[in-house]
Every structure is written in C-alpha cells, then in structure tokens.
Amino acid sequence: MDIIYLSGLKVDAVIGVWEWERRIRHELILDIEIGSDLSQASISDDLRHTVDYKAVSDHVTQFTKESRFKLLEALAEGIAQEIMRDFPVKWIRVKA
C-alpha cells in the first residue's frame, strides 16, 4: 500500500456551532493522507494509473467551500466520503 500526502491544503469554510462563527468564512489547513496501490503508476508513469492529487485538492477545496457543517469532525468525514466515492483510494485520513 502506498500513501499520498496532501499537506497544508488551505481551504475556506463556513463552520462553527455559534451564530457569530457562521457569519464569516474561516481558513482551515488540512492534511490528507490517501492510501492506494500505486504500483501500476510506478511502472507506466501514467496519470491514469494513480490518484490525481491536483484533482483531489480541487475537489476538496470546492466541497469545503460549499459545505455548511457545524463541526470539524463532520467536515472531515464529509471530505473522506467524497474522496472515497470519487477517487480510487483504499483508505483516507483527514486532519483539520
């Protein structure tokens, strides 16, 4: 199993429990670890055989921008579900 690290991804989100928190956008810094079998990509040197981390970053940024979670835990779970659904990954860890 191989791991792709996306560290220090800056995203803006409306997040928080209290009304005053939800009136502004907050900059969050995410660290994402993605587990996947990248052996075919190492042989082929072809983007089609790996996890396109630019596409993952763009997807997470857009998802977070449009989200309205109250808790970071819920946002992290939402991000994990999105990536698991849309990309060829075996496991994921999201740290906010």
C-alpha atoms as a PDB file:
ATOM      1  CA  MET A   1       0.000   0.000   0.000  1.00  0.00           C
ATOM      2  CA  ASP A   2       1.306   3.425  -0.947  1.00  0.00           C
ATOM      3  CA  ILE A   3       0.458   6.763   0.655  1.00  0.00           C
ATOM      4  CA  ILE A   4      -0.045  10.135  -0.988  1.00  0.00           C
ATOM      5  CA  TYR A   5       0.331  13.071   1.399  1.00  0.00           C
ATOM      6  CA  LEU A   6      -1.501  16.340   0.759  1.00  0.00           C
ATOM      7  CA  SER A   7      -0.144  18.594   3.481  1.00  0.00           C
ATOM      8  CA  GLY A   8      -1.085  22.159   4.288  1.00  0.00           C
ATOM      9  CA  LEU A   9      -4.064  22.405   1.932  1.00  0.00           C
ATOM     10  CA  LYS A  10      -5.687  25.784   2.684  1.00  0.00           C
ATOM     11  CA  VAL A  11      -9.462  25.923   2.293  1.00  0.00           C
ATOM     12  CA  ASP A  12     -12.156  28.407   3.285  1.00  0.00           C
ATOM     13  CA  ALA A  13     -15.299  27.233   5.045  1.00  0.00           C
ATOM     14  CA  VAL A  14     -18.337  28.408   6.903  1.00  0.00           C
ATOM     15  CA  ILE A  15     -18.060  26.275  10.019  1.00  0.00           C
ATOM     16  CA  GLY A  16     -18.917  26.559  13.682  1.00  0.00           C
ATOM     17  CA  VAL A  17     -21.660  25.935  16.180  1.00  0.00           C
ATOM     18  CA  TRP A  18     -22.358  29.504  17.219  1.00  0.00           C
ATOM     19  CA  GLU A  19     -24.180  32.008  15.024  1.00  0.00           C
ATOM     20  CA  TRP A  20     -21.306  34.527  15.147  1.00  0.00           C
ATOM     21  CA  GLU A  21     -18.921  31.830  13.858  1.00  0.00           C
ATOM     22  CA  ARG A  22     -21.175  31.126  10.891  1.00  0.00           C
ATOM     23  CA  ARG A  23     -21.254  34.742   9.714  1.00  0.00           C
ATOM     24  CA  ILE A  24     -17.677  34.587   8.457  1.00  0.00           C
ATOM     25  CA  ARG A  25     -15.519  32.236   6.416  1.00  0.00           C
ATOM     26  CA  HIS A  26     -12.679  30.542   8.256  1.00  0.00           C
ATOM     27  CA  GLU A  27      -9.408  29.474   6.706  1.00  0.00           C
ATOM     28  CA  LEU A  28      -8.705  25.854   7.549  1.00  0.00           C
ATOM     29  CA  ILE A  29      -5.492  23.983   6.917  1.00  0.00           C
ATOM     30  CA  LEU A  30      -5.993  20.322   6.049  1.00  0.00           C
ATOM     31  CA  ASP A  31      -3.566  17.429   5.967  1.00  0.00           C
ATOM     32  CA  ILE A  32      -4.856  14.479   3.970  1.00  0.00           C
ATOM     33  CA  GLU A  33      -3.282  11.034   3.677  1.00  0.00           C
ATOM     34  CA  ILE A  34      -4.540   8.760   0.912  1.00  0.00           C
ATOM     35  CA  GLY A  35      -3.792   5.042   0.802  1.00  0.00           C
ATOM     36  CA  SER A  36      -3.826   3.415  -2.602  1.00  0.00           C
ATOM     37  CA  ASP A  37      -1.966   0.838  -4.672  1.00  0.00           C
ATOM     38  CA  LEU A  38       0.269   2.917  -6.930  1.00  0.00           C
ATOM     39  CA  SER A  39       2.363   0.064  -8.319  1.00  0.00           C
ATOM     40  CA  GLN A  40       0.837   0.285 -11.804  1.00  0.00           C
ATOM     41  CA  ALA A  41       1.564   4.044 -11.931  1.00  0.00           C
ATOM     42  CA  SER A  42       5.184   3.443 -10.963  1.00  0.00           C
ATOM     43  CA  ILE A  43       5.541   1.089 -13.919  1.00  0.00           C
ATOM     44  CA  SER A  44       3.516   3.003 -16.511  1.00  0.00           C
ATOM     45  CA  ASP A  45       4.398   6.575 -15.482  1.00  0.00           C
ATOM     46  CA  ASP A  46       0.813   7.401 -16.483  1.00  0.00           C
ATOM     47  CA  LEU A  47      -1.509   9.713 -14.540  1.00  0.00           C
ATOM     48  CA  ARG A  48      -4.453   7.422 -15.317  1.00  0.00           C
ATOM     49  CA  HIS A  49      -2.931   4.783 -13.019  1.00  0.00           C
ATOM     50  CA  THR A  50      -2.635   6.900  -9.915  1.00  0.00           C
ATOM     51  CA  VAL A  51      -4.664   9.223  -7.718  1.00  0.00           C
ATOM     52  CA  ASP A  52      -4.558  12.669  -9.308  1.00  0.00           C
ATOM     53  CA  TYR A  53      -3.750  14.739  -6.235  1.00  0.00           C
ATOM     54  CA  LYS A  54      -4.429  18.017  -8.070  1.00  0.00           C
ATOM     55  CA  ALA A  55      -7.945  16.771  -8.811  1.00  0.00           C
ATOM     56  CA  VAL A  56      -8.323  15.658  -5.175  1.00  0.00           C
ATOM     57  CA  SER A  57      -7.156  19.079  -3.943  1.00  0.00           C
ATOM     58  CA  ASP A  58      -9.547  20.902  -6.257  1.00  0.00           C
ATOM     59  CA  HIS A  59     -12.424  18.619  -5.250  1.00  0.00           C
ATOM     60  CA  VAL A  60     -11.775  19.084  -1.513  1.00  0.00           C
ATOM     61  CA  THR A  61     -11.460  22.853  -1.926  1.00  0.00           C
ATOM     62  CA  GLN A  62     -14.775  23.101  -3.786  1.00  0.00           C
ATOM     63  CA  PHE A  63     -16.572  20.711  -1.406  1.00  0.00           C
ATOM     64  CA  THR A  64     -15.351  22.624   1.651  1.00  0.00           C
ATOM     65  CA  LYS A  65     -16.234  25.989   0.131  1.00  0.00           C
ATOM     66  CA  GLU A  66     -19.822  24.836  -0.449  1.00  0.00           C
ATOM     67  CA  SER A  67     -20.209  22.991   2.871  1.00  0.00           C
ATOM     68  CA  ARG A  68     -22.071  24.267   5.914  1.00  0.00           C
ATOM     69  CA  PHE A  69     -21.010  21.842   8.645  1.00  0.00           C
ATOM     70  CA  LYS A  70     -21.030  22.903  12.271  1.00  0.00           C
ATOM     71  CA  LEU A  71     -18.277  20.571  13.467  1.00  0.00           C
ATOM     72  CA  LEU A  72     -14.790  19.934  12.078  1.00  0.00           C
ATOM     73  CA  GLU A  73     -15.388  16.237  12.691  1.00  0.00           C
ATOM     74  CA  ALA A  74     -18.398  16.281  10.360  1.00  0.00           C
ATOM     75  CA  LEU A  75     -16.475  18.220   7.714  1.00  0.00           C
ATOM     76  CA  ALA A  76     -13.557  15.769   7.878  1.00  0.00           C
ATOM     77  CA  GLU A  77     -15.963  12.831   7.491  1.00  0.00           C
ATOM     78  CA  GLY A  78     -17.667  14.546   4.550  1.00  0.00           C
ATOM     79  CA  ILE A  79     -14.309  15.111   2.854  1.00  0.00           C
ATOM     80  CA  ALA A  80     -13.313  11.492   3.437  1.00  0.00           C
ATOM     81  CA  GLN A  81     -16.586  10.202   1.980  1.00  0.00           C
ATOM     82  CA  GLU A  82     -16.240  12.443  -1.080  1.00  0.00           C
ATOM     83  CA  ILE A  83     -12.724  11.243  -1.822  1.00  0.00           C
ATOM     84  CA  MET A  84     -13.595   7.584  -1.217  1.00  0.00           C
ATOM     85  CA  ARG A  85     -16.564   7.897  -3.570  1.00  0.00           C
ATOM     86  CA  ASP A  86     -14.842   9.778  -6.397  1.00  0.00           C
ATOM     87  CA  PHE A  87     -11.245   8.522  -6.422  1.00  0.00           C
ATOM     88  CA  PRO A  88      -9.522   5.091  -6.451  1.00  0.00           C
ATOM     89  CA  VAL A  89      -8.413   5.018  -2.810  1.00  0.00           C
ATOM     90  CA  LYS A  90      -8.329   2.224  -0.234  1.00  0.00           C
ATOM     91  CA  TRP A  91      -8.313   4.445   2.836  1.00  0.00           C
ATOM     92  CA  ILE A  92      -8.055   8.080   3.815  1.00  0.00           C
ATOM     93  CA  ARG A  93      -7.119  10.158   6.855  1.00  0.00           C
ATOM     94  CA  VAL A  94      -8.189  13.817   7.121  1.00  0.00           C
ATOM     95  CA  LYS A  95      -6.665  16.123   9.727  1.00  0.00           C
ATOM     96  CA  ALA A  96      -8.138  19.596  10.177  1.00  0.00           C
END
